[in-house]
Amino acid sequence: MNFLADSINQAFLLILRLDGEILDVVTTSLFTAVCATLLAALAGIPGGALVALGRFPGRRLMVILLNTLMALPTVVVGLVVYGFLSRQGPLGHFGLLFTPAAMIIGQALLA
């Protein structure tokens, strides 16, 4: 129990000291989360409105597909994104793997 309390105290001290590495981690995390949320909202809100309010051929199939994708484990989504962004993948020549852009893509797809 003492180890846990010491770890929490050390974490708060790093935050209160405004440690440079901690600030880099926090700003990168906030940046990727905000960008992914905006990207997902830009695609999801109009798409959701179209599916909810529109009547078009294939709508039933699209609803089934969207419901199925919501049940997809996050590990599977991560593996698919990794496959697309790896060197041998179709988007590998962009060199995005293990970058904030790749994190934004993955988080937006999950959202």
PDB file of N, CA and C in Angstrom:
ATOM      1  N   MET A   1       0.828  -1.193   0.000  1.00  0.00           N
ATOM      2  CA  MET A   1       0.000   0.000   0.000  1.00  0.00           C
ATOM      3  C   MET A   1       0.869   1.251   0.000  1.00  0.00           C
ATOM      4  N   ASN A   2       2.012   1.174   0.679  1.00  0.00           N
ATOM      5  CA  ASN A   2       2.914   2.306   0.730  1.00  0.00           C
ATOM      6  C   ASN A   2       3.450   2.636  -0.658  1.00  0.00           C
ATOM      7  N   PHE A   3       3.679   1.584  -1.480  1.00  0.00           N
ATOM      8  CA  PHE A   3       4.169   1.789  -2.837  1.00  0.00           C
ATOM      9  C   PHE A   3       3.167   2.602  -3.663  1.00  0.00           C
ATOM     10  N   LEU A   4       1.897   2.285  -3.521  1.00  0.00           N
ATOM     11  CA  LEU A   4       0.852   2.994  -4.261  1.00  0.00           C
ATOM     12  C   LEU A   4       0.779   4.455  -3.840  1.00  0.00           C
ATOM     13  N   ALA A   5       0.824   4.714  -2.569  1.00  0.00           N
ATOM     14  CA  ALA A   5       0.776   6.095  -2.078  1.00  0.00           C
ATOM     15  C   ALA A   5       1.998   6.882  -2.535  1.00  0.00           C
ATOM     16  N   ASP A   6       3.178   6.256  -2.474  1.00  0.00           N
ATOM     17  CA  ASP A   6       4.396   6.928  -2.943  1.00  0.00           C
ATOM     18  C   ASP A   6       4.320   7.246  -4.436  1.00  0.00           C
ATOM     19  N   SER A   7       3.772   6.314  -5.208  1.00  0.00           N
ATOM     20  CA  SER A   7       3.643   6.529  -6.654  1.00  0.00           C
ATOM     21  C   SER A   7       2.697   7.685  -6.960  1.00  0.00           C
ATOM     22  N   ILE A   8       1.585   7.746  -6.240  1.00  0.00           N
ATOM     23  CA  ILE A   8       0.620   8.827  -6.450  1.00  0.00           C
ATOM     24  C   ILE A   8       1.233  10.165  -6.047  1.00  0.00           C
ATOM     25  N   ASN A   9       1.946  10.186  -4.926  1.00  0.00           N
ATOM     26  CA  ASN A   9       2.615  11.421  -4.505  1.00  0.00           C
ATOM     27  C   ASN A   9       3.638  11.880  -5.537  1.00  0.00           C
ATOM     28  N   GLN A  10       4.423  10.944  -6.065  1.00  0.00           N
ATOM     29  CA  GLN A  10       5.434  11.277  -7.069  1.00  0.00           C
ATOM     30  C   GLN A  10       4.773  11.815  -8.346  1.00  0.00           C
ATOM     31  N   ALA A  11       3.643  11.217  -8.733  1.00  0.00           N
ATOM     32  CA  ALA A  11       2.925  11.681  -9.920  1.00  0.00           C
ATOM     33  C   ALA A  11       2.436  13.112  -9.723  1.00  0.00           C
ATOM     34  N   PHE A  12       1.869  13.409  -8.566  1.00  0.00           N
ATOM     35  CA  PHE A  12       1.397  14.762  -8.304  1.00  0.00           C
ATOM     36  C   PHE A  12       2.546  15.765  -8.268  1.00  0.00           C
ATOM     37  N   LEU A  13       3.683  15.356  -7.723  1.00  0.00           N
ATOM     38  CA  LEU A  13       4.843  16.244  -7.705  1.00  0.00           C
ATOM     39  C   LEU A  13       5.323  16.573  -9.114  1.00  0.00           C
ATOM     40  N   LEU A  14       5.333  15.568  -9.986  1.00  0.00           N
ATOM     41  CA  LEU A  14       5.743  15.813 -11.381  1.00  0.00           C
ATOM     42  C   LEU A  14       4.773  16.771 -12.068  1.00  0.00           C
ATOM     43  N   ILE A  15       3.503  16.603 -11.798  1.00  0.00           N
ATOM     44  CA  ILE A  15       2.506  17.481 -12.408  1.00  0.00           C
ATOM     45  C   ILE A  15       2.635  18.904 -11.869  1.00  0.00           C
ATOM     46  N   LEU A  16       2.783  19.031 -10.545  1.00  0.00           N
ATOM     47  CA  LEU A  16       2.881  20.357  -9.939  1.00  0.00           C
ATOM     48  C   LEU A  16       4.157  21.086 -10.336  1.00  0.00           C
ATOM     49  N   ARG A  17       5.234  20.351 -10.593  1.00  0.00           N
ATOM     50  CA  ARG A  17       6.488  20.973 -11.023  1.00  0.00           C
ATOM     51  C   ARG A  17       6.467  21.365 -12.495  1.00  0.00           C
ATOM     52  N   LEU A  18       5.405  20.979 -13.195  1.00  0.00           N
ATOM     53  CA  LEU A  18       5.282  21.230 -14.635  1.00  0.00           C
ATOM     54  C   LEU A  18       6.488  20.675 -15.380  1.00  0.00           C
ATOM     55  N   ASP A  19       6.779  19.413 -15.086  1.00  0.00           N
ATOM     56  CA  ASP A  19       7.881  18.708 -15.729  1.00  0.00           C
ATOM     57  C   ASP A  19       7.681  18.714 -17.248  1.00  0.00           C
ATOM     58  N   GLY A  20       8.738  19.003 -17.994  1.00  0.00           N
ATOM     59  CA  GLY A  20       8.650  19.133 -19.444  1.00  0.00           C
ATOM     60  C   GLY A  20       8.157  17.879 -20.141  1.00  0.00           C
ATOM     61  N   GLU A  21       8.654  16.718 -19.725  1.00  0.00           N
ATOM     62  CA  GLU A  21       8.230  15.465 -20.351  1.00  0.00           C
ATOM     63  C   GLU A  21       6.758  15.183 -20.069  1.00  0.00           C
ATOM     64  N   ILE A  22       6.329  15.466 -18.861  1.00  0.00           N
ATOM     65  CA  ILE A  22       4.920  15.257 -18.509  1.00  0.00           C
ATOM     66  C   ILE A  22       4.031  16.184 -19.334  1.00  0.00           C
ATOM     67  N   LEU A  23       4.449  17.433 -19.482  1.00  0.00           N
ATOM     68  CA  LEU A  23       3.660  18.370 -20.295  1.00  0.00           C
ATOM     69  C   LEU A  23       3.598  17.925 -21.746  1.00  0.00           C
ATOM     70  N   ASP A  24       4.692  17.388 -22.290  1.00  0.00           N
ATOM     71  CA  ASP A  24       4.675  16.877 -23.662  1.00  0.00           C
ATOM     72  C   ASP A  24       3.683  15.731 -23.814  1.00  0.00           C
ATOM     73  N   VAL A  25       3.694  14.832 -22.844  1.00  0.00           N
ATOM     74  CA  VAL A  25       2.773  13.690 -22.888  1.00  0.00           C
ATOM     75  C   VAL A  25       1.331  14.164 -22.806  1.00  0.00           C
ATOM     76  N   VAL A  26       1.061  15.079 -21.903  1.00  0.00           N
ATOM     77  CA  VAL A  26      -0.310  15.570 -21.712  1.00  0.00           C
ATOM     78  C   VAL A  26      -0.794  16.332 -22.940  1.00  0.00           C
ATOM     79  N   THR A  27       0.052  17.210 -23.496  1.00  0.00           N
ATOM     80  CA  THR A  27      -0.379  17.974 -24.673  1.00  0.00           C
ATOM     81  C   THR A  27      -0.575  17.067 -25.885  1.00  0.00           C
ATOM     82  N   THR A  28       0.289  16.078 -26.057  1.00  0.00           N
ATOM     83  CA  THR A  28       0.105  15.139 -27.174  1.00  0.00           C
ATOM     84  C   THR A  28      -1.176  14.346 -26.995  1.00  0.00           C
ATOM     85  N   SER A  29      -1.436  13.905 -25.792  1.00  0.00           N
ATOM     86  CA  SER A  29      -2.647  13.137 -25.521  1.00  0.00           C
ATOM     87  C   SER A  29      -3.907  13.973 -25.751  1.00  0.00           C
ATOM     88  N   LEU A  30      -3.903  15.198 -25.263  1.00  0.00           N
ATOM     89  CA  LEU A  30      -5.067  16.075 -25.463  1.00  0.00           C
ATOM     90  C   LEU A  30      -5.249  16.425 -26.934  1.00  0.00           C
ATOM     91  N   PHE A  31      -4.148  16.682 -27.632  1.00  0.00           N
ATOM     92  CA  PHE A  31      -4.224  17.020 -29.045  1.00  0.00           C
ATOM     93  C   PHE A  31      -4.817  15.874 -29.857  1.00  0.00           C
ATOM     94  N   THR A  32      -4.325  14.653 -29.622  1.00  0.00           N
ATOM     95  CA  THR A  32      -4.839  13.516 -30.391  1.00  0.00           C
ATOM     96  C   THR A  32      -6.301  13.242 -30.050  1.00  0.00           C
ATOM     97  N   ALA A  33      -6.673  13.378 -28.781  1.00  0.00           N
ATOM     98  CA  ALA A  33      -8.057  13.121 -28.388  1.00  0.00           C
ATOM     99  C   ALA A  33      -9.009  14.141 -29.003  1.00  0.00           C
ATOM    100  N   VAL A  34      -8.622  15.414 -28.985  1.00  0.00           N
ATOM    101  CA  VAL A  34      -9.488  16.457 -29.547  1.00  0.00           C
ATOM    102  C   VAL A  34      -9.603  16.293 -31.066  1.00  0.00           C
ATOM    103  N   CYS A  35      -8.491  16.058 -31.732  1.00  0.00           N
ATOM    104  CA  CYS A  35      -8.526  15.880 -33.187  1.00  0.00           C
ATOM    105  C   CYS A  35      -9.358  14.664 -33.583  1.00  0.00           C
ATOM    106  N   ALA A  36      -9.181  13.554 -32.869  1.00  0.00           N
ATOM    107  CA  ALA A  36      -9.947  12.345 -33.178  1.00  0.00           C
ATOM    108  C   ALA A  36     -11.439  12.558 -32.933  1.00  0.00           C
ATOM    109  N   THR A  37     -11.771  13.269 -31.870  1.00  0.00           N
ATOM    110  CA  THR A  37     -13.180  13.542 -31.573  1.00  0.00           C
ATOM    111  C   THR A  37     -13.803  14.421 -32.650  1.00  0.00           C
ATOM    112  N   LEU A  38     -13.088  15.457 -33.062  1.00  0.00           N
ATOM    113  CA  LEU A  38     -13.604  16.331 -34.125  1.00  0.00           C
ATOM    114  C   LEU A  38     -13.757  15.575 -35.441  1.00  0.00           C
ATOM    115  N   LEU A  39     -12.763  14.760 -35.777  1.00  0.00           N
ATOM    116  CA  LEU A  39     -12.821  13.983 -37.018  1.00  0.00           C
ATOM    117  C   LEU A  39     -13.991  13.001 -36.982  1.00  0.00           C
ATOM    118  N   ALA A  40     -14.161  12.324 -35.858  1.00  0.00           N
ATOM    119  CA  ALA A  40     -15.271  11.378 -35.728  1.00  0.00           C
ATOM    120  C   ALA A  40     -16.617  12.093 -35.773  1.00  0.00           C
ATOM    121  N   ALA A  41     -16.694  13.274 -35.163  1.00  0.00           N
ATOM    122  CA  ALA A  41     -17.951  14.029 -35.183  1.00  0.00           C
ATOM    123  C   ALA A  41     -18.272  14.535 -36.581  1.00  0.00           C
ATOM    124  N   LEU A  42     -17.245  14.984 -37.309  1.00  0.00           N
ATOM    125  CA  LEU A  42     -17.480  15.469 -38.673  1.00  0.00           C
ATOM    126  C   LEU A  42     -18.001  14.368 -39.589  1.00  0.00           C
ATOM    127  N   ALA A  43     -17.569  13.151 -39.353  1.00  0.00           N
ATOM    128  CA  ALA A  43     -18.055  12.040 -40.177  1.00  0.00           C
ATOM    129  C   ALA A  43     -19.311  11.412 -39.575  1.00  0.00           C
ATOM    130  N   GLY A  44     -19.359  11.302 -38.252  1.00  0.00           N
ATOM    131  CA  GLY A  44     -20.425  10.557 -37.607  1.00  0.00           C
ATOM    132  C   GLY A  44     -21.758  11.263 -37.516  1.00  0.00           C
ATOM    133  N   ILE A  45     -21.744  12.554 -37.277  1.00  0.00           N
ATOM    134  CA  ILE A  45     -23.017  13.268 -37.116  1.00  0.00           C
ATOM    135  C   ILE A  45     -23.806  13.320 -38.429  1.00  0.00           C
ATOM    136  N   PRO A  46     -23.202  13.758 -39.532  1.00  0.00           N
ATOM    137  CA  PRO A  46     -23.969  13.722 -40.784  1.00  0.00           C
ATOM    138  C   PRO A  46     -24.328  12.301 -41.217  1.00  0.00           C
ATOM    139  N   GLY A  47     -23.397  11.358 -41.013  1.00  0.00           N
ATOM    140  CA  GLY A  47     -23.685   9.969 -41.383  1.00  0.00           C
ATOM    141  C   GLY A  47     -24.812   9.387 -40.556  1.00  0.00           C
ATOM    142  N   GLY A  48     -24.796   9.672 -39.252  1.00  0.00           N
ATOM    143  CA  GLY A  48     -25.870   9.192 -38.382  1.00  0.00           C
ATOM    144  C   GLY A  48     -27.212   9.818 -38.732  1.00  0.00           C
ATOM    145  N   ALA A  49     -27.198  11.110 -39.061  1.00  0.00           N
ATOM    146  CA  ALA A  49     -28.443  11.777 -39.456  1.00  0.00           C
ATOM    147  C   ALA A  49     -28.979  11.183 -40.755  1.00  0.00           C
ATOM    148  N   LEU A  50     -28.089  10.888 -41.684  1.00  0.00           N
ATOM    149  CA  LEU A  50     -28.513  10.293 -42.956  1.00  0.00           C
ATOM    150  C   LEU A  50     -29.149   8.929 -42.739  1.00  0.00           C
ATOM    151  N   VAL A  51     -28.517   8.105 -41.913  1.00  0.00           N
ATOM    152  CA  VAL A  51     -29.054   6.766 -41.666  1.00  0.00           C
ATOM    153  C   VAL A  51     -30.351   6.845 -40.865  1.00  0.00           C
ATOM    154  N   ALA A  52     -30.420   7.758 -39.906  1.00  0.00           N
ATOM    155  CA  ALA A  52     -31.611   7.843 -39.059  1.00  0.00           C
ATOM    156  C   ALA A  52     -32.804   8.459 -39.779  1.00  0.00           C
ATOM    157  N   LEU A  53     -32.550   9.468 -40.586  1.00  0.00           N
ATOM    158  CA  LEU A  53     -33.662  10.209 -41.192  1.00  0.00           C
ATOM    159  C   LEU A  53     -33.911   9.855 -42.647  1.00  0.00           C
ATOM    160  N   GLY A  54     -32.910   9.337 -43.329  1.00  0.00           N
ATOM    161  CA  GLY A  54     -33.037   9.063 -44.751  1.00  0.00           C
ATOM    162  C   GLY A  54     -33.675   7.725 -45.044  1.00  0.00           C
ATOM    163  N   ARG A  55     -34.282   7.646 -46.177  1.00  0.00           N
ATOM    164  CA  ARG A  55     -34.841   6.389 -46.682  1.00  0.00           C
ATOM    165  C   ARG A  55     -34.203   6.142 -48.039  1.00  0.00           C
ATOM    166  N   PHE A  56     -33.359   5.110 -48.118  1.00  0.00           N
ATOM    167  CA  PHE A  56     -32.629   4.826 -49.344  1.00  0.00           C
ATOM    168  C   PHE A  56     -32.404   3.321 -49.448  1.00  0.00           C
ATOM    169  N   PRO A  57     -32.171   2.837 -50.664  1.00  0.00           N
ATOM    170  CA  PRO A  57     -31.904   1.405 -50.825  1.00  0.00           C
ATOM    171  C   PRO A  57     -30.607   1.021 -50.099  1.00  0.00           C
ATOM    172  N   GLY A  58     -30.644  -0.064 -49.387  1.00  0.00           N
ATOM    173  CA  GLY A  58     -29.475  -0.517 -48.650  1.00  0.00           C
ATOM    174  C   GLY A  58     -29.388   0.026 -47.243  1.00  0.00           C
ATOM    175  N   ARG A  59     -30.376   0.786 -46.823  1.00  0.00           N
ATOM    176  CA  ARG A  59     -30.354   1.374 -45.483  1.00  0.00           C
ATOM    177  C   ARG A  59     -30.348   0.293 -44.413  1.00  0.00           C
ATOM    178  N   ARG A  60     -31.171  -0.714 -44.589  1.00  0.00           N
ATOM    179  CA  ARG A  60     -31.240  -1.807 -43.608  1.00  0.00           C
ATOM    180  C   ARG A  60     -29.881  -2.497 -43.487  1.00  0.00           C
ATOM    181  N   LEU A  61     -29.236  -2.750 -44.610  1.00  0.00           N
ATOM    182  CA  LEU A  61     -27.909  -3.366 -44.597  1.00  0.00           C
ATOM    183  C   LEU A  61     -26.890  -2.463 -43.905  1.00  0.00           C
ATOM    184  N   MET A  62     -26.993  -1.163 -44.126  1.00  0.00           N
ATOM    185  CA  MET A  62     -26.072  -0.217 -43.493  1.00  0.00           C
ATOM    186  C   MET A  62     -26.272  -0.201 -41.975  1.00  0.00           C
ATOM    187  N   VAL A  63     -27.512  -0.256 -41.510  1.00  0.00           N
ATOM    188  CA  VAL A  63     -27.786  -0.282 -40.073  1.00  0.00           C
ATOM    189  C   VAL A  63     -27.208  -1.561 -39.455  1.00  0.00           C
ATOM    190  N   ILE A  64     -27.380  -2.682 -40.139  1.00  0.00           N
ATOM    191  CA  ILE A  64     -26.820  -3.947 -39.649  1.00  0.00           C
ATOM    192  C   ILE A  64     -25.299  -3.859 -39.595  1.00  0.00           C
ATOM    193  N   LEU A  65     -24.679  -3.303 -40.623  1.00  0.00           N
ATOM    194  CA  LEU A  65     -23.229  -3.172 -40.668  1.00  0.00           C
ATOM    195  C   LEU A  65     -22.721  -2.258 -39.551  1.00  0.00           C
ATOM    196  N   LEU A  66     -23.396  -1.137 -39.330  1.00  0.00           N
ATOM    197  CA  LEU A  66     -22.987  -0.210 -38.276  1.00  0.00           C
ATOM    198  C   LEU A  66     -23.139  -0.831 -36.887  1.00  0.00           C
ATOM    199  N   ASN A  67     -24.222  -1.569 -36.673  1.00  0.00           N
ATOM    200  CA  ASN A  67     -24.400  -2.249 -35.386  1.00  0.00           C
ATOM    201  C   ASN A  67     -23.328  -3.316 -35.173  1.00  0.00           C
ATOM    202  N   THR A  68     -22.967  -4.004 -36.235  1.00  0.00           N
ATOM    203  CA  THR A  68     -21.913  -5.014 -36.139  1.00  0.00           C
ATOM    204  C   THR A  68     -20.573  -4.367 -35.828  1.00  0.00           C
ATOM    205  N   LEU A  69     -20.266  -3.253 -36.462  1.00  0.00           N
ATOM    206  CA  LEU A  69     -18.994  -2.569 -36.221  1.00  0.00           C
ATOM    207  C   LEU A  69     -18.894  -2.049 -34.791  1.00  0.00           C
ATOM    208  N   MET A  70     -20.017  -1.688 -34.181  1.00  0.00           N
ATOM    209  CA  MET A  70     -19.977  -1.211 -32.794  1.00  0.00           C
ATOM    210  C   MET A  70     -19.603  -2.325 -31.825  1.00  0.00           C
ATOM    211  N   ALA A  71     -19.811  -3.576 -32.215  1.00  0.00           N
ATOM    212  CA  ALA A  71     -19.475  -4.703 -31.353  1.00  0.00           C
ATOM    213  C   ALA A  71     -18.054  -5.208 -31.593  1.00  0.00           C
ATOM    214  N   LEU A  72     -17.346  -4.603 -32.522  1.00  0.00           N
ATOM    215  CA  LEU A  72     -15.996  -5.039 -32.861  1.00  0.00           C
ATOM    216  C   LEU A  72     -15.041  -4.713 -31.718  1.00  0.00           C
ATOM    217  N   PRO A  73     -14.239  -5.676 -31.282  1.00  0.00           N
ATOM    218  CA  PRO A  73     -13.280  -5.391 -30.196  1.00  0.00           C
ATOM    219  C   PRO A  73     -12.243  -4.350 -30.628  1.00  0.00           C
ATOM    220  N   THR A  74     -11.800  -3.561 -29.679  1.00  0.00           N
ATOM    221  CA  THR A  74     -10.834  -2.512 -29.982  1.00  0.00           C
ATOM    222  C   THR A  74      -9.513  -3.082 -30.478  1.00  0.00           C
ATOM    223  N   VAL A  75      -9.159  -4.277 -30.043  1.00  0.00           N
ATOM    224  CA  VAL A  75      -7.921  -4.905 -30.507  1.00  0.00           C
ATOM    225  C   VAL A  75      -7.992  -5.169 -32.007  1.00  0.00           C
ATOM    226  N   VAL A  76      -9.148  -5.583 -32.481  1.00  0.00           N
ATOM    227  CA  VAL A  76      -9.307  -5.853 -33.912  1.00  0.00           C
ATOM    228  C   VAL A  76      -9.150  -4.560 -34.706  1.00  0.00           C
ATOM    229  N   VAL A  77      -9.757  -3.484 -34.226  1.00  0.00           N
ATOM    230  CA  VAL A  77      -9.614  -2.190 -34.904  1.00  0.00           C
ATOM    231  C   VAL A  77      -8.151  -1.771 -34.921  1.00  0.00           C
ATOM    232  N   GLY A  78      -7.454  -1.946 -33.801  1.00  0.00           N
ATOM    233  CA  GLY A  78      -6.034  -1.612 -33.741  1.00  0.00           C
ATOM    234  C   GLY A  78      -5.206  -2.426 -34.709  1.00  0.00           C
ATOM    235  N   LEU A  79      -5.489  -3.703 -34.832  1.00  0.00           N
ATOM    236  CA  LEU A  79      -4.750  -4.548 -35.769  1.00  0.00           C
ATOM    237  C   LEU A  79      -5.011  -4.154 -37.217  1.00  0.00           C
ATOM    238  N   VAL A  80      -6.245  -3.794 -37.517  1.00  0.00           N
ATOM    239  CA  VAL A  80      -6.570  -3.358 -38.878  1.00  0.00           C
ATOM    240  C   VAL A  80      -5.847  -2.052 -39.212  1.00  0.00           C
ATOM    241  N   VAL A  81      -5.866  -1.099 -38.285  1.00  0.00           N
ATOM    242  CA  VAL A  81      -5.160   0.167 -38.500  1.00  0.00           C
ATOM    243  C   VAL A  81      -3.666  -0.086 -38.644  1.00  0.00           C
ATOM    244  N   TYR A  82      -3.120  -0.963 -37.801  1.00  0.00           N
ATOM    245  CA  TYR A  82      -1.702  -1.308 -37.900  1.00  0.00           C
ATOM    246  C   TYR A  82      -1.390  -1.924 -39.263  1.00  0.00           C
ATOM    247  N   GLY A  83      -2.250  -2.825 -39.715  1.00  0.00           N
ATOM    248  CA  GLY A  83      -2.044  -3.453 -41.017  1.00  0.00           C
ATOM    249  C   GLY A  83      -2.046  -2.449 -42.160  1.00  0.00           C
ATOM    250  N   PHE A  84      -2.936  -1.477 -42.089  1.00  0.00           N
ATOM    251  CA  PHE A  84      -2.992  -0.462 -43.142  1.00  0.00           C
ATOM    252  C   PHE A  84      -1.794   0.478 -43.096  1.00  0.00           C
ATOM    253  N   LEU A  85      -1.298   0.785 -41.903  1.00  0.00           N
ATOM    254  CA  LEU A  85      -0.235   1.782 -41.766  1.00  0.00           C
ATOM    255  C   LEU A  85       1.170   1.188 -41.717  1.00  0.00           C
ATOM    256  N   SER A  86       1.284  -0.147 -41.612  1.00  0.00           N
ATOM    257  CA  SER A  86       2.613  -0.754 -41.570  1.00  0.00           C
ATOM    258  C   SER A  86       3.293  -0.610 -42.930  1.00  0.00           C
ATOM    259  N   ARG A  87       4.589  -0.871 -42.975  1.00  0.00           N
ATOM    260  CA  ARG A  87       5.356  -0.672 -44.212  1.00  0.00           C
ATOM    261  C   ARG A  87       4.798  -1.451 -45.393  1.00  0.00           C
ATOM    262  N   GLN A  88       4.309  -2.664 -45.129  1.00  0.00           N
ATOM    263  CA  GLN A  88       3.760  -3.483 -46.205  1.00  0.00           C
ATOM    264  C   GLN A  88       2.304  -3.161 -46.503  1.00  0.00           C
ATOM    265  N   GLY A  89       1.690  -2.338 -45.693  1.00  0.00           N
ATOM    266  CA  GLY A  89       0.279  -2.008 -45.871  1.00  0.00           C
ATOM    267  C   GLY A  89       0.065  -0.995 -46.982  1.00  0.00           C
ATOM    268  N   PRO A  90      -1.183  -0.811 -47.381  1.00  0.00           N
ATOM    269  CA  PRO A  90      -1.491   0.115 -48.474  1.00  0.00           C
ATOM    270  C   PRO A  90      -1.140   1.575 -48.179  1.00  0.00           C
ATOM    271  N   LEU A  91      -1.117   1.963 -46.907  1.00  0.00           N
ATOM    272  CA  LEU A  91      -0.777   3.339 -46.546  1.00  0.00           C
ATOM    273  C   LEU A  91       0.614   3.450 -45.911  1.00  0.00           C
ATOM    274  N   GLY A  92       1.405   2.394 -46.021  1.00  0.00           N
ATOM    275  CA  GLY A  92       2.716   2.350 -45.388  1.00  0.00           C
ATOM    276  C   GLY A  92       3.711   3.359 -45.917  1.00  0.00           C
ATOM    277  N   HIS A  93       3.568   3.748 -47.179  1.00  0.00           N
ATOM    278  CA  HIS A  93       4.530   4.690 -47.761  1.00  0.00           C
ATOM    279  C   HIS A  93       4.408   6.096 -47.168  1.00  0.00           C
ATOM    280  N   PHE A  94       3.343   6.369 -46.420  1.00  0.00           N
ATOM    281  CA  PHE A  94       3.207   7.681 -45.769  1.00  0.00           C
ATOM    282  C   PHE A  94       4.023   7.776 -44.489  1.00  0.00           C
ATOM    283  N   GLY A  95       4.459   6.648 -43.931  1.00  0.00           N
ATOM    284  CA  GLY A  95       5.268   6.645 -42.718  1.00  0.00           C
ATOM    285  C   GLY A  95       4.528   7.142 -41.484  1.00  0.00           C
ATOM    286  N   LEU A  96       3.258   6.785 -41.343  1.00  0.00           N
ATOM    287  CA  LEU A  96       2.443   7.283 -40.233  1.00  0.00           C
ATOM    288  C   LEU A  96       2.471   6.391 -39.000  1.00  0.00           C
ATOM    289  N   LEU A  97       2.976   5.180 -39.133  1.00  0.00           N
ATOM    290  CA  LEU A  97       2.928   4.232 -38.041  1.00  0.00           C
ATOM    291  C   LEU A  97       3.658   4.775 -36.812  1.00  0.00           C
ATOM    292  N   PHE A  98       3.055   4.647 -35.653  1.00  0.00           N
ATOM    293  CA  PHE A  98       3.583   5.102 -34.364  1.00  0.00           C
ATOM    294  C   PHE A  98       3.753   6.621 -34.309  1.00  0.00           C
ATOM    295  N   THR A  99       2.881   7.355 -34.966  1.00  0.00           N
ATOM    296  CA  THR A  99       2.888   8.815 -34.916  1.00  0.00           C
ATOM    297  C   THR A  99       1.555   9.288 -34.327  1.00  0.00           C
ATOM    298  N   PRO A 100       1.487  10.559 -33.912  1.00  0.00           N
ATOM    299  CA  PRO A 100       0.195  11.074 -33.440  1.00  0.00           C
ATOM    300  C   PRO A 100      -0.903  10.983 -34.511  1.00  0.00           C
ATOM    301  N   ALA A 101      -0.539  11.110 -35.780  1.00  0.00           N
ATOM    302  CA  ALA A 101      -1.539  10.995 -36.845  1.00  0.00           C
ATOM    303  C   ALA A 101      -2.160   9.596 -36.848  1.00  0.00           C
ATOM    304  N   ALA A 102      -1.349   8.570 -36.623  1.00  0.00           N
ATOM    305  CA  ALA A 102      -1.870   7.217 -36.574  1.00  0.00           C
ATOM    306  C   ALA A 102      -2.788   7.028 -35.366  1.00  0.00           C
ATOM    307  N   MET A 103      -2.429   7.657 -34.245  1.00  0.00           N
ATOM    308  CA  MET A 103      -3.287   7.580 -33.060  1.00  0.00           C
ATOM    309  C   MET A 103      -4.627   8.266 -33.326  1.00  0.00           C
ATOM    310  N   ILE A 104      -4.582   9.390 -34.029  1.00  0.00           N
ATOM    311  CA  ILE A 104      -5.825  10.095 -34.363  1.00  0.00           C
ATOM    312  C   ILE A 104      -6.693   9.236 -35.258  1.00  0.00           C
ATOM    313  N   ILE A 105      -6.106   8.602 -36.246  1.00  0.00           N
ATOM    314  CA  ILE A 105      -6.866   7.727 -37.155  1.00  0.00           C
ATOM    315  C   ILE A 105      -7.514   6.591 -36.373  1.00  0.00           C
ATOM    316  N   GLY A 106      -6.729   5.933 -35.525  1.00  0.00           N
ATOM    317  CA  GLY A 106      -7.266   4.824 -34.741  1.00  0.00           C
ATOM    318  C   GLY A 106      -8.377   5.231 -33.796  1.00  0.00           C
ATOM    319  N   GLN A 107      -8.173   6.337 -33.104  1.00  0.00           N
ATOM    320  CA  GLN A 107      -9.198   6.808 -32.161  1.00  0.00           C
ATOM    321  C   GLN A 107     -10.461   7.258 -32.893  1.00  0.00           C
ATOM    322  N   ALA A 108     -10.295   7.897 -34.038  1.00  0.00           N
ATOM    323  CA  ALA A 108     -11.475   8.333 -34.792  1.00  0.00           C
ATOM    324  C   ALA A 108     -12.269   7.140 -35.299  1.00  0.00           C
ATOM    325  N   LEU A 109     -11.575   6.096 -35.736  1.00  0.00           N
ATOM    326  CA  LEU A 109     -12.282   4.901 -36.190  1.00  0.00           C
ATOM    327  C   LEU A 109     -13.011   4.211 -35.041  1.00  0.00           C
ATOM    328  N   LEU A 110     -12.405   4.205 -33.889  1.00  0.00           N
ATOM    329  CA  LEU A 110     -13.084   3.619 -32.730  1.00  0.00           C
ATOM    330  C   LEU A 110     -14.321   4.415 -32.328  1.00  0.00           C
ATOM    331  N   ALA A 111     -14.233   5.723 -32.445  1.00  0.00           N
ATOM    332  CA  ALA A 111     -15.374   6.573 -32.059  1.00  0.00           C
ATOM    333  C   ALA A 111     -16.489   6.424 -33.047  1.00  0.00           C
TER     334      ALA A 111
END
